[in-house]
Protein backbone atom coordinates (compact mmCIF):
# COMPACT_ATOMS: atom_id res chain seq x y z
CA MET A 1 0.00 0.00 0.00
CA LYS A 2 1.18 3.51 -0.74
CA ARG A 3 1.99 5.35 2.45
CA PHE A 4 1.96 9.12 2.91
CA VAL A 5 5.40 10.77 3.08
CA PHE A 6 6.87 7.33 2.53
CA THR A 7 9.92 8.71 0.79
CA THR A 8 10.94 10.43 4.01
CA LEU A 9 10.66 7.37 6.18
CA PHE A 10 13.76 5.72 4.79
CA THR A 11 15.61 9.02 5.11
CA CYS A 12 14.62 9.20 8.78
CA TYR A 13 16.07 5.81 9.50
CA ALA A 14 19.11 6.44 7.35
CA PHE A 15 20.37 9.21 9.63
CA ALA A 16 19.11 7.82 12.94
CA ALA A 17 22.08 7.25 15.18
CA VAL A 18 22.53 4.37 17.58
CA SER A 19 21.63 6.41 20.63
CA LEU A 20 21.93 3.85 23.38
CA VAL A 21 24.90 4.94 25.41
CA ALA A 22 27.36 2.42 26.77
CA SER A 23 26.01 1.51 30.18
CA GLU A 24 25.09 -1.53 32.20
CA ARG A 25 21.49 -1.37 31.08
CA PRO A 26 19.20 0.52 28.70
CA PRO A 27 17.56 3.73 29.88
CA ASN A 28 14.27 3.72 31.72
CA VAL A 29 11.44 5.67 30.09
CA ILE A 30 8.71 7.69 31.79
CA LEU A 31 6.13 9.26 29.47
CA ILE A 32 3.79 11.76 31.16
CA LEU A 33 0.78 12.94 29.15
CA THR A 34 -1.64 15.55 30.50
CA ASP A 35 -5.26 15.81 29.37
CA ASP A 36 -6.62 19.10 27.97
CA GLN A 37 -3.71 21.20 29.19
CA GLY A 38 -3.14 23.49 26.22
CA TYR A 39 0.19 24.68 24.86
CA GLY A 40 -0.30 27.96 26.71
CA ASP A 41 -1.12 26.37 30.06
CA PHE A 42 2.48 26.46 31.26
CA GLY A 43 4.35 29.19 33.08
CA CYS A 44 7.35 28.54 30.84
CA HIS A 45 5.17 29.28 27.79
CA GLY A 46 4.27 32.70 29.09
CA HIS A 47 1.04 32.17 30.98
CA PRO A 48 0.34 35.44 32.84
CA ALA A 49 -1.31 33.90 35.92
CA LEU A 50 -0.64 30.16 36.15
CA GLU A 51 2.40 29.08 38.16
CA THR A 52 4.07 25.79 37.18
CA PRO A 53 7.50 25.80 38.85
CA GLU A 54 8.24 22.09 38.37
CA MET A 55 7.16 22.07 34.73
CA ASP A 56 9.26 25.18 34.23
CA ARG A 57 12.24 23.46 35.88
CA LEU A 58 11.85 20.44 33.59
CA TYR A 59 11.53 22.82 30.63
CA SER A 60 14.82 24.44 31.62
CA ASP A 61 16.50 21.05 32.03
CA SER A 62 15.22 19.50 28.80
CA VAL A 63 15.51 19.48 25.06
CA ARG A 64 12.24 20.97 23.77
CA MET A 65 10.38 20.27 20.53
CA THR A 66 8.97 23.69 19.64
CA ASP A 67 6.94 22.75 16.53
CA PHE A 68 5.51 19.51 17.90
CA HIS A 69 1.99 18.38 17.02
CA VAL A 70 -0.58 15.92 18.30
CA ASP A 71 -4.20 15.24 17.35
CA PRO A 72 -6.85 17.77 18.42
CA THR A 73 -8.54 15.32 20.85
CA CYS A 74 -7.79 12.57 23.34
CA SER A 75 -8.04 9.07 21.85
CA PRO A 76 -6.41 9.88 18.49
CA THR A 77 -3.35 11.33 20.21
CA ARG A 78 -3.06 8.24 22.38
CA ALA A 79 -3.43 5.92 19.40
CA ALA A 80 -0.66 7.70 17.50
CA LEU A 81 1.61 7.68 20.55
CA MET A 82 1.13 3.96 21.06
CA THR A 83 1.66 2.92 17.43
CA GLY A 84 3.88 5.45 15.66
CA LYS A 85 1.14 5.82 13.04
CA TYR A 86 -1.58 8.27 12.11
CA ALA A 87 -4.49 7.56 14.45
CA SER A 88 -6.99 7.20 11.62
CA ARG A 89 -4.78 4.51 10.11
CA VAL A 90 -5.27 2.38 13.21
CA GLY A 91 -9.02 2.90 13.58
CA VAL A 92 -9.19 5.90 15.93
CA TRP A 93 -10.71 9.23 14.87
CA HIS A 94 -13.18 9.92 17.67
CA THR A 95 -13.28 9.76 21.46
CA LEU A 96 -16.37 7.53 21.64
CA GLN A 97 -19.00 5.83 19.38
CA GLY A 98 -16.80 2.80 18.75
CA ARG A 99 -14.20 4.93 16.99
CA SER A 100 -11.91 5.39 19.98
CA ILE A 101 -10.79 1.74 19.96
CA LEU A 102 -7.30 0.83 18.75
CA ARG A 103 -7.26 -2.07 16.27
CA HIS A 104 -6.31 -5.24 18.09
CA ASN A 105 -3.57 -6.29 15.66
CA GLU A 106 -1.49 -3.13 15.97
CA THR A 107 1.88 -3.29 17.73
CA THR A 108 2.03 -0.83 20.59
CA LEU A 109 4.96 0.98 22.14
CA ALA A 110 4.40 -1.14 25.26
CA ASP A 111 4.67 -4.28 23.13
CA ARG A 112 8.02 -3.09 21.80
CA PHE A 113 9.38 -2.32 25.25
CA ARG A 114 8.16 -5.59 26.75
CA ASP A 115 9.66 -7.56 23.86
CA ALA A 116 12.98 -5.88 24.68
CA GLY A 117 12.86 -7.04 28.31
CA TYR A 118 11.40 -3.89 29.88
CA ARG A 119 8.80 -3.97 32.62
CA THR A 120 5.83 -1.96 31.43
CA GLY A 121 3.11 -0.14 33.36
CA ILE A 122 0.28 2.33 32.74
CA PHE A 123 -1.30 4.56 35.38
CA GLY A 124 -4.23 6.81 34.44
CA LYS A 125 -6.21 7.26 31.25
CA TRP A 126 -6.05 4.61 28.51
CA HIS A 127 -9.09 5.56 26.33
CA LEU A 128 -8.36 3.08 23.54
CA GLY A 129 -10.85 0.35 24.44
CA ASP A 130 -12.39 -0.96 27.66
CA ALA A 131 -12.91 -4.64 26.79
CA TYR A 132 -10.76 -7.52 25.54
CA PRO A 133 -8.69 -7.45 23.30
CA TYR A 134 -8.31 -3.68 23.56
CA ARG A 135 -7.48 -3.25 27.25
CA PRO A 136 -3.95 -2.11 28.15
CA GLN A 137 -3.16 -5.52 29.66
CA ASP A 138 -3.86 -6.94 26.19
CA ARG A 139 -1.56 -4.38 24.54
CA GLY A 140 1.83 -4.94 26.13
CA PHE A 141 1.45 -3.61 29.67
CA ASP A 142 2.55 -5.82 32.56
CA GLU A 143 0.84 -3.67 35.17
CA THR A 144 -2.26 -1.58 34.58
CA LEU A 145 -4.20 0.86 36.72
CA ILE A 146 -6.76 2.91 34.82
CA HIS A 147 -10.16 4.52 34.96
CA GLY A 148 -12.74 3.58 32.34
CA GLY A 149 -13.62 5.41 29.12
CA GLY A 150 -12.31 8.88 28.43
CA GLY A 151 -12.60 10.36 31.89
CA ILE A 152 -13.33 9.67 35.52
CA GLY A 153 -17.09 9.51 36.02
CA GLN A 154 -17.89 8.71 32.40
CA ASN A 155 -20.21 5.80 31.65
CA PRO A 156 -17.53 3.11 31.14
CA ASP A 157 -15.91 4.15 34.43
CA TYR A 158 -16.91 2.85 37.85
CA TRP A 159 -20.30 4.46 38.48
CA GLY A 160 -20.12 7.24 41.05
CA ASN A 161 -16.39 8.02 40.73
CA THR A 162 -15.74 11.67 41.57
CA TYR A 163 -11.91 12.10 41.36
CA PHE A 164 -11.67 11.49 45.14
CA ASP A 165 -11.41 8.07 46.88
CA ASP A 166 -12.52 6.28 43.73
CA HIS A 167 -12.53 2.77 42.33
CA TYR A 168 -9.99 2.17 39.55
CA CYS A 169 -9.34 -0.91 37.47
CA ARG A 170 -6.11 -2.72 38.38
CA ASP A 171 -5.19 -5.48 35.96
CA GLY A 172 -8.85 -6.00 35.05
CA ARG A 173 -10.38 -5.79 38.55
CA TRP A 174 -11.96 -2.75 40.19
CA GLU A 175 -10.30 -1.71 43.44
CA LYS A 176 -10.98 1.11 45.92
CA PHE A 177 -8.24 3.75 46.35
CA ASN A 178 -7.83 6.55 48.83
CA GLY A 179 -6.90 10.01 47.65
CA TYR A 180 -7.24 12.39 44.73
CA CYS A 181 -6.90 10.86 41.27
CA THR A 182 -3.70 12.65 40.18
CA ASP A 183 -2.05 11.77 43.48
CA VAL A 184 -3.11 8.13 43.05
CA TRP A 185 -1.67 7.87 39.53
CA PHE A 186 1.68 9.35 40.57
CA ARG A 187 1.79 7.34 43.79
CA GLU A 188 1.12 4.05 42.02
CA ALA A 189 3.52 4.89 39.19
CA THR A 190 6.23 5.70 41.74
CA GLN A 191 5.67 2.37 43.47
CA PHE A 192 5.95 0.62 40.08
CA ILE A 193 9.27 2.41 39.53
CA GLU A 194 10.50 1.44 42.99
CA ARG A 195 9.63 -2.21 42.39
CA ASN A 196 11.45 -2.21 39.06
CA GLN A 197 14.38 0.12 39.76
CA SER A 198 16.92 -2.66 39.18
CA GLU A 199 15.71 -3.40 35.63
CA PRO A 200 14.69 -1.20 32.70
CA PHE A 201 11.09 -0.04 32.78
CA PHE A 202 8.60 1.86 30.64
CA CYS A 203 6.18 3.84 32.79
CA TYR A 204 3.29 5.44 30.88
CA LEU A 205 1.55 8.08 33.00
CA PRO A 206 -1.40 9.48 30.99
CA LEU A 207 -3.29 11.70 33.41
CA ASN A 208 -6.99 12.55 33.27
CA ALA A 209 -6.29 16.07 34.58
CA PRO A 210 -6.86 18.92 33.96
CA HIS A 211 -9.80 17.67 31.87
CA PHE A 212 -13.21 18.97 32.96
CA TRP A 213 -14.79 18.33 35.51
CA TYR A 214 -12.62 20.80 37.45
CA ARG A 215 -12.25 18.97 40.75
CA VAL A 216 -9.13 19.25 42.90
CA PRO A 217 -8.20 19.40 46.58
CA ASP A 218 -8.89 22.86 47.93
CA ARG A 219 -5.27 23.57 48.82
CA TYR A 220 -4.33 23.74 45.14
CA ALA A 221 -7.17 26.08 44.15
CA GLU A 222 -6.98 28.37 47.17
CA PRO A 223 -3.99 30.48 46.00
CA TYR A 224 -5.96 31.41 42.89
CA LEU A 225 -9.21 31.96 44.75
CA GLU A 226 -7.36 34.36 47.02
CA LEU A 227 -6.43 36.36 43.92
CA GLY A 228 -10.15 36.83 43.26
CA MET A 229 -10.50 34.31 40.41
CA GLU A 230 -13.87 32.66 39.81
CA GLU A 231 -14.04 29.16 41.22
CA LEU A 232 -13.95 27.09 38.01
CA ARG A 233 -10.90 28.92 36.74
CA ALA A 234 -9.14 28.58 40.09
CA ARG A 235 -9.88 24.86 40.15
CA PHE A 236 -8.62 24.38 36.61
CA PHE A 237 -5.37 26.09 37.58
CA GLY A 238 -5.36 24.03 40.77
CA MET A 239 -5.52 20.78 38.81
CA ILE A 240 -2.39 21.81 36.92
CA ALA A 241 -0.74 22.89 40.18
CA CYS A 242 -1.40 19.41 41.57
CA ILE A 243 0.23 17.80 38.52
CA ASP A 244 3.14 20.19 38.91
CA ALA A 245 3.70 19.27 42.56
CA ASN A 246 3.56 15.55 41.76
CA LEU A 247 6.03 16.00 38.92
CA GLY A 248 8.50 17.53 41.34
CA GLN A 249 8.02 14.72 43.84
CA LEU A 250 8.54 12.11 41.13
CA ARG A 251 11.78 13.71 39.97
CA ASP A 252 13.01 13.94 43.54
CA ARG A 253 12.27 10.24 44.04
CA LEU A 254 14.15 9.29 40.89
CA GLY A 255 17.14 11.12 42.31
CA GLU A 256 16.85 9.35 45.66
CA LEU A 257 16.76 5.98 43.87
CA GLY A 258 19.85 6.93 41.88
CA ILE A 259 18.17 6.34 38.52
CA ALA A 260 17.36 9.89 37.38
CA ASP A 261 20.38 10.19 35.10
CA ASN A 262 19.54 7.03 33.17
CA THR A 263 15.82 7.78 32.84
CA ILE A 264 14.32 9.37 29.74
CA LEU A 265 11.57 11.62 31.09
CA ILE A 266 9.12 12.97 28.50
CA PHE A 267 6.41 15.47 29.43
CA MET A 268 3.73 16.47 26.92
CA ASN A 269 0.07 17.43 26.57
CA ASP A 270 -2.51 15.64 24.45
CA ASN A 271 -4.28 18.47 22.58
CA GLY A 272 -5.22 22.12 22.80
CA HIS A 273 -6.80 23.72 25.84
CA GLY A 274 -10.13 22.09 26.67
CA GLY A 275 -12.69 24.25 28.42
CA PRO A 276 -15.72 23.41 30.56
CA THR A 277 -18.05 23.27 27.53
CA PRO A 278 -16.89 20.93 24.72
CA GLY A 279 -16.45 22.66 21.38
CA LYS A 280 -16.83 26.17 22.76
CA PRO A 281 -14.22 28.78 23.70
CA SER A 282 -12.91 28.54 27.21
CA PRO A 283 -12.89 31.66 29.38
CA TYR A 284 -9.78 30.26 31.10
CA ALA A 285 -7.55 29.70 28.07
CA TYR A 286 -4.24 31.38 27.39
CA HIS A 287 -3.22 30.36 23.88
CA ALA A 288 0.37 31.66 23.81
CA GLY A 289 -0.36 33.39 20.52
CA LEU A 290 -1.92 30.36 18.84
CA ARG A 291 -5.35 30.29 17.24
CA LYS A 292 -8.26 28.32 18.72
CA TRP A 293 -8.35 25.40 21.18
CA LYS A 294 -9.04 21.69 21.57
CA GLY A 295 -10.74 20.12 18.55
CA SER A 296 -9.64 22.82 16.12
CA PRO A 297 -7.58 22.30 12.94
CA TYR A 298 -5.72 25.54 13.73
CA ASP A 299 -2.48 25.23 15.66
CA GLY A 300 -4.15 25.98 18.98
CA GLY A 301 -5.93 22.65 18.65
CA HIS A 302 -2.90 20.43 18.03
CA ARG A 303 0.40 22.13 18.78
CA ALA A 304 1.78 20.65 21.99
CA ALA A 305 4.62 20.81 24.45
CA CYS A 306 7.21 18.04 24.37
CA PHE A 307 10.08 18.18 26.88
CA VAL A 308 12.69 15.39 26.71
CA HIS A 309 15.17 14.98 29.57
CA TRP A 310 17.90 12.30 29.79
CA PRO A 311 21.18 13.27 31.46
CA ASN A 312 23.10 10.14 30.44
CA GLY A 313 22.12 10.80 26.84
CA GLY A 314 23.09 14.47 26.98
CA LEU A 315 19.48 15.63 26.73
CA THR A 316 19.64 18.52 29.16
CA GLY A 317 20.31 22.23 29.21
CA GLY A 318 17.23 23.90 27.80
CA ARG A 319 17.80 23.54 24.05
CA ASP A 320 15.05 24.10 21.45
CA ILE A 321 14.47 21.97 18.33
CA PRO A 322 12.43 23.94 15.77
CA GLU A 323 11.90 21.20 13.16
CA LEU A 324 8.35 19.99 12.46
CA THR A 325 7.71 16.90 14.58
CA ALA A 326 4.70 14.96 15.85
CA HIS A 327 3.46 12.46 18.42
CA PHE A 328 3.94 9.44 16.15
CA ASP A 329 7.64 10.31 15.93
CA LEU A 330 8.11 9.23 19.54
CA THR A 331 7.90 5.52 18.71
CA PRO A 332 10.84 5.49 16.27
CA THR A 333 12.71 7.99 18.46
CA LEU A 334 12.43 5.78 21.54
CA ILE A 335 13.35 2.74 19.47
CA ASP A 336 16.61 4.52 18.63
CA LEU A 337 17.27 5.97 22.09
CA CYS A 338 16.64 2.66 23.86
CA GLY A 339 18.08 0.27 21.29
CA LEU A 340 14.79 -1.55 20.69
CA GLN A 341 14.09 -3.78 17.71
CA PRO A 342 13.59 -1.43 14.73
CA ALA A 343 10.13 -1.22 13.23
CA ALA A 344 9.69 -2.12 9.60
CA PRO A 345 9.70 1.16 7.59
CA ASN A 346 6.38 0.28 5.97
CA ASP A 347 4.82 -0.20 9.39
CA ILE A 348 5.28 3.27 10.79
CA ASP A 349 4.48 6.87 9.86
CA GLY A 350 6.84 8.65 12.23
CA CYS A 351 10.45 9.72 11.88
CA SER A 352 13.06 9.28 14.60
CA PHE A 353 14.26 12.64 15.87
CA ALA A 354 16.99 11.03 18.01
CA GLY A 355 19.65 12.74 15.91
CA LEU A 356 18.01 16.12 16.45
CA LEU A 357 17.85 15.51 20.19
CA HIS A 358 21.58 14.81 20.25
CA GLY A 359 22.36 17.94 18.24
CA GLU A 360 23.85 15.94 15.39
CA GLN A 361 24.22 17.34 11.90
CA VAL A 362 21.33 15.52 10.28
CA THR A 363 19.34 16.12 7.14
CA TRP A 364 15.81 16.45 8.43
CA PRO A 365 13.27 15.64 5.70
CA ASP A 366 11.14 18.32 4.11
CA ARG A 367 8.01 16.77 5.58
CA THR A 368 4.35 17.35 5.02
CA LEU A 369 2.10 16.19 7.86
CA CYS A 370 -1.66 16.04 8.14
CA VAL A 371 -4.01 16.28 11.09
CA HIS A 372 -7.78 16.08 11.28
CA ASN A 373 -10.54 15.77 13.84
CA PRO A 374 -13.58 14.23 12.12
CA ARG A 375 -15.48 12.94 15.21
CA VAL A 376 -18.08 11.23 13.01
CA GLU A 377 -18.95 7.62 12.21
CA ARG A 378 -16.99 7.77 8.96
CA PRO A 379 -14.39 10.48 8.25
CA GLU A 380 -15.27 13.12 5.66
CA LYS A 381 -12.69 14.56 3.32
CA TRP A 382 -11.27 17.94 4.45
CA LEU A 383 -13.38 17.98 7.63
CA LYS A 384 -11.48 19.86 10.38
CA SER A 385 -8.18 19.15 8.66
CA ALA A 386 -4.80 20.83 8.44
CA VAL A 387 -1.83 20.15 6.17
CA MET A 388 1.45 21.23 7.72
CA THR A 389 4.98 21.98 6.61
CA GLU A 390 7.60 23.93 8.50
CA ARG A 391 6.38 27.06 6.73
CA TRP A 392 2.76 26.49 5.71
CA ARG A 393 -0.60 25.52 7.20
CA LEU A 394 -3.48 24.66 4.87
CA VAL A 395 -6.73 24.51 6.87
CA GLU A 396 -9.69 22.51 5.52
CA GLY A 397 -8.22 22.70 2.03
CA LYS A 398 -8.99 26.41 1.69
CA GLN A 399 -7.18 28.73 4.08
CA LEU A 400 -3.42 29.13 3.82
CA PHE A 401 -1.15 30.60 6.49
CA ASP A 402 2.56 31.29 6.60
CA ILE A 403 3.22 29.97 10.10
CA GLN A 404 6.68 31.54 10.30
CA THR A 405 5.45 35.10 9.85
CA ASP A 406 1.90 34.57 11.13
CA PRO A 407 1.95 32.00 13.98
CA GLY A 408 -1.47 33.21 15.13
CA GLN A 409 -2.96 32.29 11.72
CA GLU A 410 -4.72 35.62 11.33
CA ASN A 411 -4.09 36.29 7.62
CA ASP A 412 -5.38 33.87 4.99
CA ILE A 413 -3.05 34.22 1.99
CA ALA A 414 -4.40 31.37 -0.14
CA SER A 415 -5.22 33.73 -3.01
CA LYS A 416 -1.59 34.92 -3.13
CA HIS A 417 -0.08 31.42 -3.29
CA PRO A 418 -2.33 29.23 -5.45
CA LYS A 419 0.52 26.85 -6.33
CA VAL A 420 1.25 26.21 -2.67
CA VAL A 421 -2.43 25.52 -2.05
CA GLU A 422 -2.54 23.13 -4.99
CA GLU A 423 0.58 21.29 -3.83
CA LEU A 424 -0.65 20.90 -0.25
CA ARG A 425 -4.09 19.79 -1.42
CA SER A 426 -2.41 17.13 -3.52
CA LYS A 427 -0.38 15.93 -0.53
CA TYR A 428 -3.54 15.73 1.54
CA LEU A 429 -5.33 13.69 -1.13
CA ASP A 430 -2.39 11.27 -1.27
CA TRP A 431 -2.59 10.90 2.50
CA TRP A 432 -6.36 10.47 2.42
CA SER A 433 -6.10 7.73 -0.19
CA THR A 434 -3.95 5.63 2.17
CA LEU A 435 -6.52 5.86 4.98
CA GLN A 436 -9.84 5.66 3.17
CA PRO A 437 -9.86 1.92 2.32
CA ARG A 438 -10.24 0.99 6.00
CA PHE A 439 -12.79 3.58 7.13
CA ASP A 440 -15.62 1.02 6.96
CA GLU A 441 -13.84 -1.48 9.21
CA PHE A 442 -14.88 -1.88 12.83
CA CYS A 443 -13.01 -2.54 16.05
CA ARG A 444 -15.52 -5.06 17.30
CA VAL A 445 -16.12 -5.68 20.99
CA TYR A 446 -15.38 -9.35 21.70
CA ILE A 447 -17.98 -11.41 23.55
CA GLY A 448 -17.49 -14.95 24.75
CA ALA A 449 -13.70 -14.74 24.83
CA ALA A 450 -12.02 -16.78 27.56
CA GLN A 451 -9.91 -13.74 28.47
CA GLU A 452 -12.98 -11.75 29.57
CA ASN A 453 -16.25 -13.55 30.16
CA PRO A 454 -18.63 -12.07 31.10
CA VAL A 455 -17.97 -8.73 29.45
CA LYS A 456 -19.77 -5.42 29.99
CA LEU A 457 -20.77 -3.36 26.97
CA THR A 458 -21.56 0.32 27.51
CA CYS A 459 -23.26 2.97 25.43
CA HIS A 460 -19.90 4.78 25.18
CA ASP A 461 -19.15 2.42 22.27
CA TRP A 462 -22.47 2.77 20.47
CA HIS A 463 -22.07 3.55 16.81
CA SER A 464 -24.38 6.25 15.50
CA ARG A 465 -24.82 8.48 12.48
CA SER A 466 -25.59 11.39 14.78
CA SER A 467 -23.70 12.94 17.66
CA LEU A 468 -24.44 11.26 20.97
CA LEU A 469 -23.28 12.29 24.44
CA THR A 470 -22.92 8.65 25.39
CA TRP A 471 -19.99 9.36 27.71
CA ASN A 472 -22.16 11.47 30.00
CA PRO A 473 -23.84 9.70 32.97
CA ASP A 474 -26.45 12.48 33.16
CA VAL A 475 -27.77 11.40 29.75
CA ILE A 476 -28.30 7.92 31.15
CA ALA A 477 -29.64 8.95 34.55
CA ASN A 478 -32.19 11.24 32.88
CA ARG A 479 -33.35 8.46 30.50
CA GLN A 480 -32.83 10.54 27.39
CA GLN A 481 -34.10 8.91 24.21
CA THR A 482 -30.80 8.01 22.62
CA ASN A 483 -29.68 4.83 20.95
CA GLY A 484 -26.98 3.32 18.78
CA TRP A 485 -25.56 -0.05 17.90
CA TRP A 486 -22.55 -2.10 18.87
CA THR A 487 -20.37 -4.06 16.50
CA VAL A 488 -19.38 -7.29 18.23
CA GLN A 489 -17.31 -10.37 17.55
CA VAL A 490 -18.73 -13.60 18.95
CA GLU A 491 -15.49 -15.40 19.78
CA ARG A 492 -16.95 -18.85 20.42
CA PRO A 493 -20.31 -20.46 19.63
CA GLY A 494 -22.55 -21.09 22.61
CA THR A 495 -25.50 -19.95 24.63
CA TYR A 496 -25.23 -16.32 25.63
CA THR A 497 -27.08 -14.41 28.33
CA PHE A 498 -27.55 -10.71 27.61
CA ARG A 499 -28.46 -8.77 30.77
CA LEU A 500 -29.77 -5.29 29.95
CA GLN A 501 -29.58 -2.51 32.55
CA GLU A 502 -30.22 1.20 32.83
CA LEU A 503 -27.66 1.54 35.63
CA PRO A 504 -24.61 -0.64 36.28
CA ASP A 505 -24.30 -3.10 39.14
CA GLU A 506 -22.28 -0.74 41.35
CA ALA A 507 -24.85 2.08 41.17
CA GLU A 508 -26.41 2.79 44.54
CA SER A 509 -29.86 3.30 43.05
CA THR A 510 -32.13 0.26 42.87
CA GLU A 511 -34.76 2.10 40.87
CA PRO A 512 -36.50 -0.25 38.43
CA ILE A 513 -36.24 0.09 34.67
CA ARG A 514 -38.64 2.76 33.40
CA ALA A 515 -39.95 0.75 30.48
CA GLU A 516 -42.39 -2.07 29.90
CA ARG A 517 -40.69 -4.02 27.12
CA ALA A 518 -37.14 -4.81 26.07
CA ARG A 519 -35.88 -5.73 22.64
CA LEU A 520 -32.56 -7.19 21.51
CA ARG A 521 -31.40 -7.62 17.94
CA ILE A 522 -28.12 -9.32 17.10
CA GLY A 523 -27.54 -10.27 13.50
CA ALA A 524 -30.77 -11.83 12.18
CA ILE A 525 -32.03 -12.67 15.68
CA ASP A 526 -34.62 -10.23 16.97
CA GLN A 527 -36.36 -10.88 20.30
CA GLU A 528 -38.67 -8.89 22.55
CA LEU A 529 -39.57 -9.51 26.21
CA THR A 530 -41.91 -8.02 28.77
CA ILE A 531 -39.97 -6.42 31.61
CA PRO A 532 -41.21 -7.74 34.98
CA ALA A 533 -42.58 -5.15 37.38
CA ASN A 534 -39.87 -3.51 39.54
CA ALA A 535 -37.08 -5.27 37.62
CA THR A 536 -33.69 -3.55 37.52
CA SER A 537 -32.52 -5.74 34.65
CA VAL A 538 -33.88 -8.03 31.97
CA GLU A 539 -32.21 -11.07 30.41
CA PHE A 540 -32.21 -12.65 26.97
CA ASN A 541 -30.76 -16.14 26.36
CA ILE A 542 -29.67 -16.69 22.78
CA ASP A 543 -27.71 -19.40 20.96
CA LEU A 544 -25.07 -17.82 18.73
CA PRO A 545 -22.47 -19.07 16.29
CA ALA A 546 -19.03 -17.49 16.19
CA GLY A 547 -18.59 -14.49 13.94
CA PRO A 548 -19.12 -10.75 13.53
CA PHE A 549 -22.49 -9.21 14.31
CA THR A 550 -24.24 -5.89 14.74
CA MET A 551 -26.17 -5.61 17.99
CA LYS A 552 -28.79 -3.16 19.20
CA THR A 553 -31.13 -2.92 22.20
CA TRP A 554 -34.30 -1.04 23.06
CA LEU A 555 -36.10 -0.23 26.30
CA ILE A 556 -39.65 0.53 25.18
CA GLU A 557 -42.33 2.38 27.13
CA ASP A 558 -46.05 1.89 26.60
CA SER A 559 -46.15 5.45 25.26
CA GLY A 560 -43.95 4.33 22.36
CA ASP A 561 -40.89 6.20 23.58
CA SER A 562 -37.74 4.11 23.57
CA ARG A 563 -34.02 4.31 24.27
CA GLY A 564 -31.13 1.91 24.17
CA ALA A 565 -30.01 -0.11 27.17
CA PRO A 566 -26.79 1.72 28.15
CA PHE A 567 -25.26 -1.28 29.94
CA VAL A 568 -25.33 -4.87 28.73
CA HIS A 569 -23.53 -7.74 30.45
CA VAL A 570 -22.85 -10.63 28.07
CA ASN A 571 -21.99 -14.07 29.45
CA ARG A 572 -21.23 -17.19 27.44
CA HIS A 573 -22.25 -20.53 28.94
CA ASP A 574 -20.71 -23.84 28.00
CA LYS A 575 -22.80 -26.98 27.48
CA SER A 576 -23.06 -27.56 31.23
CA GLY A 577 -24.56 -24.10 31.69
CA GLN A 578 -21.48 -22.67 33.40
């Protein structure tokens, strides 16, 4: 298959140096990823009110990628980070609706580290699939501690989580933890590091903060409240202050363990500033001169911080790298820095910037990169897209900006440079042609697999041709008339019990289902049952062969109103009924 910017991939590997320094063991790697902290939400990037002393210290100690780009939203950035590929190439172009799931046959960064003998752990937000075979423990991680879905308190998460003293999923089992979420992630990650300090480790620390809701211990918000800030803004700043404090504690602990010098520490954010109302301007954003925010094809939506610190590798001292780089470059870069097994050139979109990090005289390719944020069932050409070079930005195929003279993207000069527009449009169409053939594929939720039986399906993964707020527990609690369908893979033939619920098992409410009939359709099988009075769930028992199916449910009221069952537990029974 033709791959976009393929001619540069071989060039990237041609100049990539063997970066693993002579030492007793390879370097450890800690990758910290914040959620909805925009490029401007750092003191070191000029924020006029927010104080981030530990982030600023790491900035001063690191090599910084200053034209570094991610996707405009959560799951796509995570998919690209984990694979070294464009997110849409691996099935991820949304944050829900079944399009936030990473294809099961992709090799992840954790796979590569584990294959090289590293211990691997994740602590925080995964957001690339909640069921087998998409869970982090299925994707190369030895130890996992995560919340569900795309945020704490969302529908795939443990019902009733509030950021404080919550239940999180450790290696597939929910467990109660004491403390604030950010503190828990750092505490557990630090314990993982302590357990594995004598061997190389890869610690992935993707935080859920400072994503809305803006909840944080009072002591972090109080300094901003005392300045007279409104409460939401103070709490947003407080969430970043909490991350900042934990970052400092983590670095101090690495020093105490004597492993700081041989640890590659990467700190980055996942997209532009995300405000309290999705898709709308945030009153708390400082954009550092960039245009727009999370979700936007302008640079404010996808330009990100990337600080890389590794004393043994000479990556210190506050040096800037201005070349155009992106999140999927981290996979080949870490392969080089850590001496991992190289990826096949045809199996990766990124370029190693190890040579740039080391300050070597390298010939960086004249690259053209694309980014988009379709957030629909099937991507649409040009929708929320940008084509990028080190000089130009073409937005949605129409607006052209010279990013070197106009970093705020205020002056559309497309009419003055029609040849540039034509060239960048052509590059985009080449890129699009490599992605389009797989847009109709599905990352199916597996049912009946020995690795996870029973399995819980949630409305977060409903497919739909319209926009659904299926992450939001208020939509479910208020019985809004929404519905969609799941794509499933029946792993083994057998008798399956489908238990439909309006609220999950852990919900404190025992309120009965507000409907009189339930309907389940899977493939050609279509059944309807009367819901017993005061029932909190209803069950269907169906014999199924193995194979792919589309599945949909309905909770139907006598009035004719209906909605989908937001939670379905699916359990396969063998011939003995077990």
